[in-house]
Amino acid sequence: TIFGDGTQTRSFCYVDDLVEGIYRLLLSD
């Protein structure tokens, strides 16, 4: 099932990459 005409876009990030980014941000200034 696609809602709309299907031309709308998304950008998918794998969870391990996201967790790495969160971890780095937490420890940043």
PDB file of all heavy atoms in Angstrom:
ATOM      1  N   THR A   1       0.830  -1.204   0.000  1.00  0.00           N
ATOM      2  CA  THR A   1       0.000   0.000   0.000  1.00  0.00           C
ATOM      3  C   THR A   1       0.862   1.250   0.000  1.00  0.00           C
ATOM      4  O   THR A   1       1.677   1.452   0.904  1.00  0.00           O
ATOM      5  CB  THR A   1      -0.908   0.030   1.245  1.00  0.00           C
ATOM      6  OG1 THR A   1      -1.678  -1.177   1.282  1.00  0.00           O
ATOM      7  CG2 THR A   1      -1.843   1.226   1.202  1.00  0.00           C
ATOM      8  N   ILE A   2       0.674   2.080  -1.016  1.00  0.00           N
ATOM      9  CA  ILE A   2       1.328   3.397  -1.070  1.00  0.00           C
ATOM     10  C   ILE A   2       0.252   4.454  -0.893  1.00  0.00           C
ATOM     11  O   ILE A   2      -0.786   4.416  -1.571  1.00  0.00           O
ATOM     12  CB  ILE A   2       2.066   3.603  -2.404  1.00  0.00           C
ATOM     13  CG1 ILE A   2       3.288   2.687  -2.482  1.00  0.00           C
ATOM     14  CG2 ILE A   2       2.485   5.057  -2.559  1.00  0.00           C
ATOM     15  CD1 ILE A   2       4.066   2.818  -3.784  1.00  0.00           C
ATOM     16  N   PHE A   3       0.495   5.387  -0.004  1.00  0.00           N
ATOM     17  CA  PHE A   3      -0.435   6.494   0.190  1.00  0.00           C
ATOM     18  C   PHE A   3      -0.004   7.660  -0.695  1.00  0.00           C
ATOM     19  O   PHE A   3       1.150   8.078  -0.668  1.00  0.00           O
ATOM     20  CB  PHE A   3      -0.489   6.906   1.661  1.00  0.00           C
ATOM     21  CG  PHE A   3      -1.074   5.834   2.535  1.00  0.00           C
ATOM     22  CD1 PHE A   3      -0.258   4.914   3.183  1.00  0.00           C
ATOM     23  CD2 PHE A   3      -2.453   5.715   2.685  1.00  0.00           C
ATOM     24  CE1 PHE A   3      -0.797   3.905   3.961  1.00  0.00           C
ATOM     25  CE2 PHE A   3      -3.000   4.706   3.472  1.00  0.00           C
ATOM     26  CZ  PHE A   3      -2.171   3.805   4.108  1.00  0.00           C
ATOM     27  N   GLY A   4      -0.930   8.146  -1.509  1.00  0.00           N
ATOM     28  CA  GLY A   4      -0.606   9.177  -2.487  1.00  0.00           C
ATOM     29  C   GLY A   4      -0.151   8.548  -3.795  1.00  0.00           C
ATOM     30  O   GLY A   4      -0.309   7.346  -4.028  1.00  0.00           O
ATOM     31  N   ASP A   5       0.478   9.368  -4.645  1.00  0.00           N
ATOM     32  CA  ASP A   5       0.879   8.859  -5.968  1.00  0.00           C
ATOM     33  C   ASP A   5       2.247   8.177  -5.942  1.00  0.00           C
ATOM     34  O   ASP A   5       2.711   7.676  -6.971  1.00  0.00           O
ATOM     35  CB  ASP A   5       0.849   9.978  -7.013  1.00  0.00           C
ATOM     36  CG  ASP A   5       1.829  11.107  -6.705  1.00  0.00           C
ATOM     37  OD1 ASP A   5       2.657  10.960  -5.764  1.00  0.00           O
ATOM     38  OD2 ASP A   5       1.781  12.140  -7.403  1.00  0.00           O
ATOM     39  N   GLY A   6       2.900   8.173  -4.782  1.00  0.00           N
ATOM     40  CA  GLY A   6       4.175   7.474  -4.655  1.00  0.00           C
ATOM     41  C   GLY A   6       5.386   8.282  -5.054  1.00  0.00           C
ATOM     42  O   GLY A   6       6.512   7.786  -5.021  1.00  0.00           O
ATOM     43  N   THR A   7       5.181   9.558  -5.428  1.00  0.00           N
ATOM     44  CA  THR A   7       6.325  10.393  -5.801  1.00  0.00           C
ATOM     45  C   THR A   7       6.948  11.071  -4.581  1.00  0.00           C
ATOM     46  O   THR A   7       8.025  11.660  -4.681  1.00  0.00           O
ATOM     47  CB  THR A   7       5.923  11.480  -6.818  1.00  0.00           C
ATOM     48  OG1 THR A   7       4.891  12.306  -6.230  1.00  0.00           O
ATOM     49  CG2 THR A   7       5.410  10.866  -8.103  1.00  0.00           C
ATOM     50  N   GLN A   8       6.258  10.988  -3.416  1.00  0.00           N
ATOM     51  CA  GLN A   8       6.847  11.582  -2.213  1.00  0.00           C
ATOM     52  C   GLN A   8       8.106  10.803  -1.814  1.00  0.00           C
ATOM     53  O   GLN A   8       8.222   9.617  -2.111  1.00  0.00           O
ATOM     54  CB  GLN A   8       5.837  11.621  -1.057  1.00  0.00           C
ATOM     55  CG  GLN A   8       5.421  10.297  -0.471  1.00  0.00           C
ATOM     56  CD  GLN A   8       4.217   9.690  -1.161  1.00  0.00           C
ATOM     57  OE1 GLN A   8       4.021   9.838  -2.364  1.00  0.00           O
ATOM     58  NE2 GLN A   8       3.400   8.970  -0.394  1.00  0.00           N
ATOM     59  N   THR A   9       9.032  11.480  -1.158  1.00  0.00           N
ATOM     60  CA  THR A   9      10.328  10.871  -0.873  1.00  0.00           C
ATOM     61  C   THR A   9      10.572  10.712   0.626  1.00  0.00           C
ATOM     62  O   THR A   9      10.004  11.444   1.444  1.00  0.00           O
ATOM     63  CB  THR A   9      11.479  11.708  -1.457  1.00  0.00           C
ATOM     64  OG1 THR A   9      11.573  12.950  -0.753  1.00  0.00           O
ATOM     65  CG2 THR A   9      11.294  11.952  -2.939  1.00  0.00           C
ATOM     66  N   ARG A  10      11.423   9.746   0.948  1.00  0.00           N
ATOM     67  CA  ARG A  10      11.949   9.569   2.299  1.00  0.00           C
ATOM     68  C   ARG A  10      13.427   9.208   2.177  1.00  0.00           C
ATOM     69  O   ARG A  10      13.901   8.781   1.117  1.00  0.00           O
ATOM     70  CB  ARG A  10      11.201   8.456   3.056  1.00  0.00           C
ATOM     71  CG  ARG A  10       9.742   8.737   3.341  1.00  0.00           C
ATOM     72  CD  ARG A  10       9.529   9.892   4.294  1.00  0.00           C
ATOM     73  NE  ARG A  10       8.102  10.121   4.575  1.00  0.00           N
ATOM     74  CZ  ARG A  10       7.327  10.952   3.905  1.00  0.00           C
ATOM     75  NH1 ARG A  10       7.820  11.619   2.866  1.00  0.00           N
ATOM     76  NH2 ARG A  10       6.073  11.125   4.245  1.00  0.00           N
ATOM     77  N   SER A  11      14.142   9.368   3.284  1.00  0.00           N
ATOM     78  CA  SER A  11      15.567   9.043   3.335  1.00  0.00           C
ATOM     79  C   SER A  11      15.775   8.151   4.557  1.00  0.00           C
ATOM     80  O   SER A  11      15.584   8.596   5.679  1.00  0.00           O
ATOM     81  CB  SER A  11      16.403  10.321   3.452  1.00  0.00           C
ATOM     82  OG  SER A  11      16.086  11.228   2.417  1.00  0.00           O
ATOM     83  N   PHE A  12      16.155   6.903   4.338  1.00  0.00           N
ATOM     84  CA  PHE A  12      16.182   5.900   5.405  1.00  0.00           C
ATOM     85  C   PHE A  12      17.593   5.690   5.949  1.00  0.00           C
ATOM     86  O   PHE A  12      18.533   5.449   5.181  1.00  0.00           O
ATOM     87  CB  PHE A  12      15.636   4.570   4.880  1.00  0.00           C
ATOM     88  CG  PHE A  12      14.202   4.629   4.456  1.00  0.00           C
ATOM     89  CD1 PHE A  12      13.869   4.698   3.107  1.00  0.00           C
ATOM     90  CD2 PHE A  12      13.190   4.640   5.395  1.00  0.00           C
ATOM     91  CE1 PHE A  12      12.539   4.762   2.709  1.00  0.00           C
ATOM     92  CE2 PHE A  12      11.858   4.695   5.010  1.00  0.00           C
ATOM     93  CZ  PHE A  12      11.531   4.763   3.660  1.00  0.00           C
ATOM     94  N   CYS A  13      17.710   5.743   7.277  1.00  0.00           N
ATOM     95  CA  CYS A  13      18.994   5.546   7.948  1.00  0.00           C
ATOM     96  C   CYS A  13      18.937   4.258   8.772  1.00  0.00           C
ATOM     97  O   CYS A  13      17.981   4.048   9.532  1.00  0.00           O
ATOM     98  CB  CYS A  13      19.282   6.735   8.862  1.00  0.00           C
ATOM     99  SG  CYS A  13      20.886   6.678   9.681  1.00  0.00           S
ATOM    100  N   TYR A  14      19.957   3.416   8.634  1.00  0.00           N
ATOM    101  CA  TYR A  14      19.986   2.168   9.406  1.00  0.00           C
ATOM    102  C   TYR A  14      20.253   2.486  10.878  1.00  0.00           C
ATOM    103  O   TYR A  14      21.023   3.383  11.206  1.00  0.00           O
ATOM    104  CB  TYR A  14      21.039   1.219   8.855  1.00  0.00           C
ATOM    105  CG  TYR A  14      21.001  -0.131   9.515  1.00  0.00           C
ATOM    106  CD1 TYR A  14      19.888  -0.955   9.376  1.00  0.00           C
ATOM    107  CD2 TYR A  14      22.056  -0.584  10.302  1.00  0.00           C
ATOM    108  CE1 TYR A  14      19.829  -2.200   9.989  1.00  0.00           C
ATOM    109  CE2 TYR A  14      22.004  -1.825  10.911  1.00  0.00           C
ATOM    110  CZ  TYR A  14      20.892  -2.626  10.762  1.00  0.00           C
ATOM    111  OH  TYR A  14      20.818  -3.841  11.384  1.00  0.00           O
ATOM    112  N   VAL A  15      19.623   1.724  11.758  1.00  0.00           N
ATOM    113  CA  VAL A  15      19.611   2.058  13.179  1.00  0.00           C
ATOM    114  C   VAL A  15      21.008   2.130  13.796  1.00  0.00           C
ATOM    115  O   VAL A  15      21.275   2.998  14.637  1.00  0.00           O
ATOM    116  CB  VAL A  15      18.706   1.077  13.956  1.00  0.00           C
ATOM    117  CG1 VAL A  15      19.244  -0.347  13.904  1.00  0.00           C
ATOM    118  CG2 VAL A  15      18.499   1.541  15.391  1.00  0.00           C
ATOM    119  N   ASP A  16      21.932   1.267  13.392  1.00  0.00           N
ATOM    120  CA  ASP A  16      23.282   1.310  13.968  1.00  0.00           C
ATOM    121  C   ASP A  16      23.988   2.620  13.642  1.00  0.00           C
ATOM    122  O   ASP A  16      24.722   3.167  14.474  1.00  0.00           O
ATOM    123  CB  ASP A  16      24.125   0.133  13.452  1.00  0.00           C
ATOM    124  CG  ASP A  16      23.695  -1.194  14.045  1.00  0.00           C
ATOM    125  OD1 ASP A  16      22.759  -1.209  14.878  1.00  0.00           O
ATOM    126  OD2 ASP A  16      24.276  -2.238  13.670  1.00  0.00           O
ATOM    127  N   ASP A  17      23.787   3.115  12.429  1.00  0.00           N
ATOM    128  CA  ASP A  17      24.353   4.412  12.057  1.00  0.00           C
ATOM    129  C   ASP A  17      23.763   5.519  12.926  1.00  0.00           C
ATOM    130  O   ASP A  17      24.478   6.404  13.408  1.00  0.00           O
ATOM    131  CB  ASP A  17      24.074   4.723  10.579  1.00  0.00           C
ATOM    132  CG  ASP A  17      25.004   3.979   9.633  1.00  0.00           C
ATOM    133  OD1 ASP A  17      26.116   3.614  10.058  1.00  0.00           O
ATOM    134  OD2 ASP A  17      24.613   3.768   8.468  1.00  0.00           O
ATOM    135  N   LEU A  18      22.448   5.475  13.104  1.00  0.00           N
ATOM    136  CA  LEU A  18      21.788   6.497  13.905  1.00  0.00           C
ATOM    137  C   LEU A  18      22.307   6.493  15.338  1.00  0.00           C
ATOM    138  O   LEU A  18      22.616   7.552  15.905  1.00  0.00           O
ATOM    139  CB  LEU A  18      20.276   6.277  13.904  1.00  0.00           C
ATOM    140  CG  LEU A  18      19.525   7.415  14.587  1.00  0.00           C
ATOM    141  CD1 LEU A  18      19.241   8.524  13.603  1.00  0.00           C
ATOM    142  CD2 LEU A  18      18.256   6.941  15.239  1.00  0.00           C
ATOM    143  N   VAL A  19      22.418   5.316  15.937  1.00  0.00           N
ATOM    144  CA  VAL A  19      22.892   5.199  17.322  1.00  0.00           C
ATOM    145  C   VAL A  19      24.304   5.764  17.449  1.00  0.00           C
ATOM    146  O   VAL A  19      24.627   6.439  18.428  1.00  0.00           O
ATOM    147  CB  VAL A  19      22.817   3.727  17.782  1.00  0.00           C
ATOM    148  CG1 VAL A  19      23.608   3.508  19.066  1.00  0.00           C
ATOM    149  CG2 VAL A  19      21.362   3.324  17.980  1.00  0.00           C
ATOM    150  N   GLU A  20      25.143   5.512  16.456  1.00  0.00           N
ATOM    151  CA  GLU A  20      26.503   6.066  16.473  1.00  0.00           C
ATOM    152  C   GLU A  20      26.467   7.593  16.469  1.00  0.00           C
ATOM    153  O   GLU A  20      27.213   8.255  17.212  1.00  0.00           O
ATOM    154  CB  GLU A  20      27.291   5.553  15.265  1.00  0.00           C
ATOM    155  CG  GLU A  20      28.688   6.125  15.110  1.00  0.00           C
ATOM    156  CD  GLU A  20      29.645   5.733  16.216  1.00  0.00           C
ATOM    157  OE1 GLU A  20      29.446   4.672  16.860  1.00  0.00           O
ATOM    158  OE2 GLU A  20      30.615   6.495  16.464  1.00  0.00           O
ATOM    159  N   GLY A  21      25.590   8.171  15.643  1.00  0.00           N
ATOM    160  CA  GLY A  21      25.463   9.623  15.598  1.00  0.00           C
ATOM    161  C   GLY A  21      24.973  10.205  16.916  1.00  0.00           C
ATOM    162  O   GLY A  21      25.463  11.235  17.385  1.00  0.00           O
ATOM    163  N   ILE A  22      23.988   9.538  17.528  1.00  0.00           N
ATOM    164  CA  ILE A  22      23.458   9.987  18.821  1.00  0.00           C
ATOM    165  C   ILE A  22      24.547   9.922  19.886  1.00  0.00           C
ATOM    166  O   ILE A  22      24.710  10.861  20.689  1.00  0.00           O
ATOM    167  CB  ILE A  22      22.252   9.114  19.224  1.00  0.00           C
ATOM    168  CG1 ILE A  22      21.074   9.376  18.285  1.00  0.00           C
ATOM    169  CG2 ILE A  22      21.846   9.373  20.676  1.00  0.00           C
ATOM    170  CD1 ILE A  22      19.961   8.347  18.374  1.00  0.00           C
ATOM    171  N   TYR A  23      25.299   8.847  19.890  1.00  0.00           N
ATOM    172  CA  TYR A  23      26.358   8.666  20.883  1.00  0.00           C
ATOM    173  C   TYR A  23      27.414   9.770  20.747  1.00  0.00           C
ATOM    174  O   TYR A  23      27.841  10.374  21.739  1.00  0.00           O
ATOM    175  CB  TYR A  23      26.996   7.285  20.700  1.00  0.00           C
ATOM    176  CG  TYR A  23      27.982   6.913  21.774  1.00  0.00           C
ATOM    177  CD1 TYR A  23      27.553   6.520  23.044  1.00  0.00           C
ATOM    178  CD2 TYR A  23      29.355   6.935  21.528  1.00  0.00           C
ATOM    179  CE1 TYR A  23      28.465   6.164  24.029  1.00  0.00           C
ATOM    180  CE2 TYR A  23      30.264   6.587  22.507  1.00  0.00           C
ATOM    181  CZ  TYR A  23      29.815   6.211  23.757  1.00  0.00           C
ATOM    182  OH  TYR A  23      30.720   5.869  24.735  1.00  0.00           O
ATOM    183  N   ARG A  24      27.808  10.055  19.531  1.00  0.00           N
ATOM    184  CA  ARG A  24      28.805  11.114  19.303  1.00  0.00           C
ATOM    185  C   ARG A  24      28.267  12.483  19.706  1.00  0.00           C
ATOM    186  O   ARG A  24      28.995  13.295  20.282  1.00  0.00           O
ATOM    187  CB  ARG A  24      29.240  11.130  17.839  1.00  0.00           C
ATOM    188  CG  ARG A  24      30.039   9.919  17.421  1.00  0.00           C
ATOM    189  CD  ARG A  24      30.666  10.135  16.061  1.00  0.00           C
ATOM    190  NE  ARG A  24      31.238   8.895  15.534  1.00  0.00           N
ATOM    191  CZ  ARG A  24      32.036   8.836  14.484  1.00  0.00           C
ATOM    192  NH1 ARG A  24      32.360   9.951  13.827  1.00  0.00           N
ATOM    193  NH2 ARG A  24      32.515   7.684  14.058  1.00  0.00           N
ATOM    194  N   LEU A  25      27.005  12.750  19.394  1.00  0.00           N
ATOM    195  CA  LEU A  25      26.422  14.040  19.753  1.00  0.00           C
ATOM    196  C   LEU A  25      26.342  14.205  21.267  1.00  0.00           C
ATOM    197  O   LEU A  25      26.653  15.272  21.803  1.00  0.00           O
ATOM    198  CB  LEU A  25      25.033  14.184  19.131  1.00  0.00           C
ATOM    199  CG  LEU A  25      24.292  15.487  19.436  1.00  0.00           C
ATOM    200  CD1 LEU A  25      25.104  16.710  18.996  1.00  0.00           C
ATOM    201  CD2 LEU A  25      22.914  15.504  18.780  1.00  0.00           C
ATOM    202  N   LEU A  26      25.936  13.165  21.970  1.00  0.00           N
ATOM    203  CA  LEU A  26      25.856  13.229  23.431  1.00  0.00           C
ATOM    204  C   LEU A  26      27.195  13.619  24.034  1.00  0.00           C
ATOM    205  O   LEU A  26      27.255  14.428  24.968  1.00  0.00           O
ATOM    206  CB  LEU A  26      25.414  11.876  23.992  1.00  0.00           C
ATOM    207  CG  LEU A  26      25.398  11.765  25.524  1.00  0.00           C
ATOM    208  CD1 LEU A  26      24.310  12.652  26.124  1.00  0.00           C
ATOM    209  CD2 LEU A  26      25.216  10.322  25.961  1.00  0.00           C
ATOM    210  N   LEU A  27      28.275  13.072  23.513  1.00  0.00           N
ATOM    211  CA  LEU A  27      29.603  13.309  24.078  1.00  0.00           C
ATOM    212  C   LEU A  27      30.287  14.543  23.490  1.00  0.00           C
ATOM    213  O   LEU A  27      31.417  14.863  23.868  1.00  0.00           O
ATOM    214  CB  LEU A  27      30.485  12.072  23.871  1.00  0.00           C
ATOM    215  CG  LEU A  27      29.970  10.774  24.523  1.00  0.00           C
ATOM    216  CD1 LEU A  27      30.949   9.649  24.305  1.00  0.00           C
ATOM    217  CD2 LEU A  27      29.687  10.961  26.004  1.00  0.00           C
ATOM    218  N   SER A  28      29.601  15.235  22.592  1.00  0.00           N
ATOM    219  CA  SER A  28      30.166  16.449  21.984  1.00  0.00           C
ATOM    220  C   SER A  28      29.899  17.659  22.873  1.00  0.00           C
ATOM    221  O   SER A  28      29.280  17.555  23.928  1.00  0.00           O
ATOM    222  CB  SER A  28      29.542  16.680  20.601  1.00  0.00           C
ATOM    223  OG  SER A  28      28.225  17.222  20.737  1.00  0.00           O
ATOM    224  N   ASP A  29      30.359  18.812  22.418  1.00  0.00           N
ATOM    225  CA  ASP A  29      30.144  20.068  23.149  1.00  0.00           C
ATOM    226  C   ASP A  29      29.125  20.964  22.450  1.00  0.00           C
ATOM    227  O   ASP A  29      29.061  22.162  22.721  1.00  0.00           O
ATOM    228  CB  ASP A  29      31.475  20.819  23.292  1.00  0.00           C
ATOM    229  CG  ASP A  29      32.481  20.067  24.129  1.00  0.00           C
ATOM    230  OD1 ASP A  29      32.069  19.424  25.116  1.00  0.00           O
ATOM    231  OD2 ASP A  29      33.679  20.097  23.787  1.00  0.00           O
TER     232      ASP A  29
END
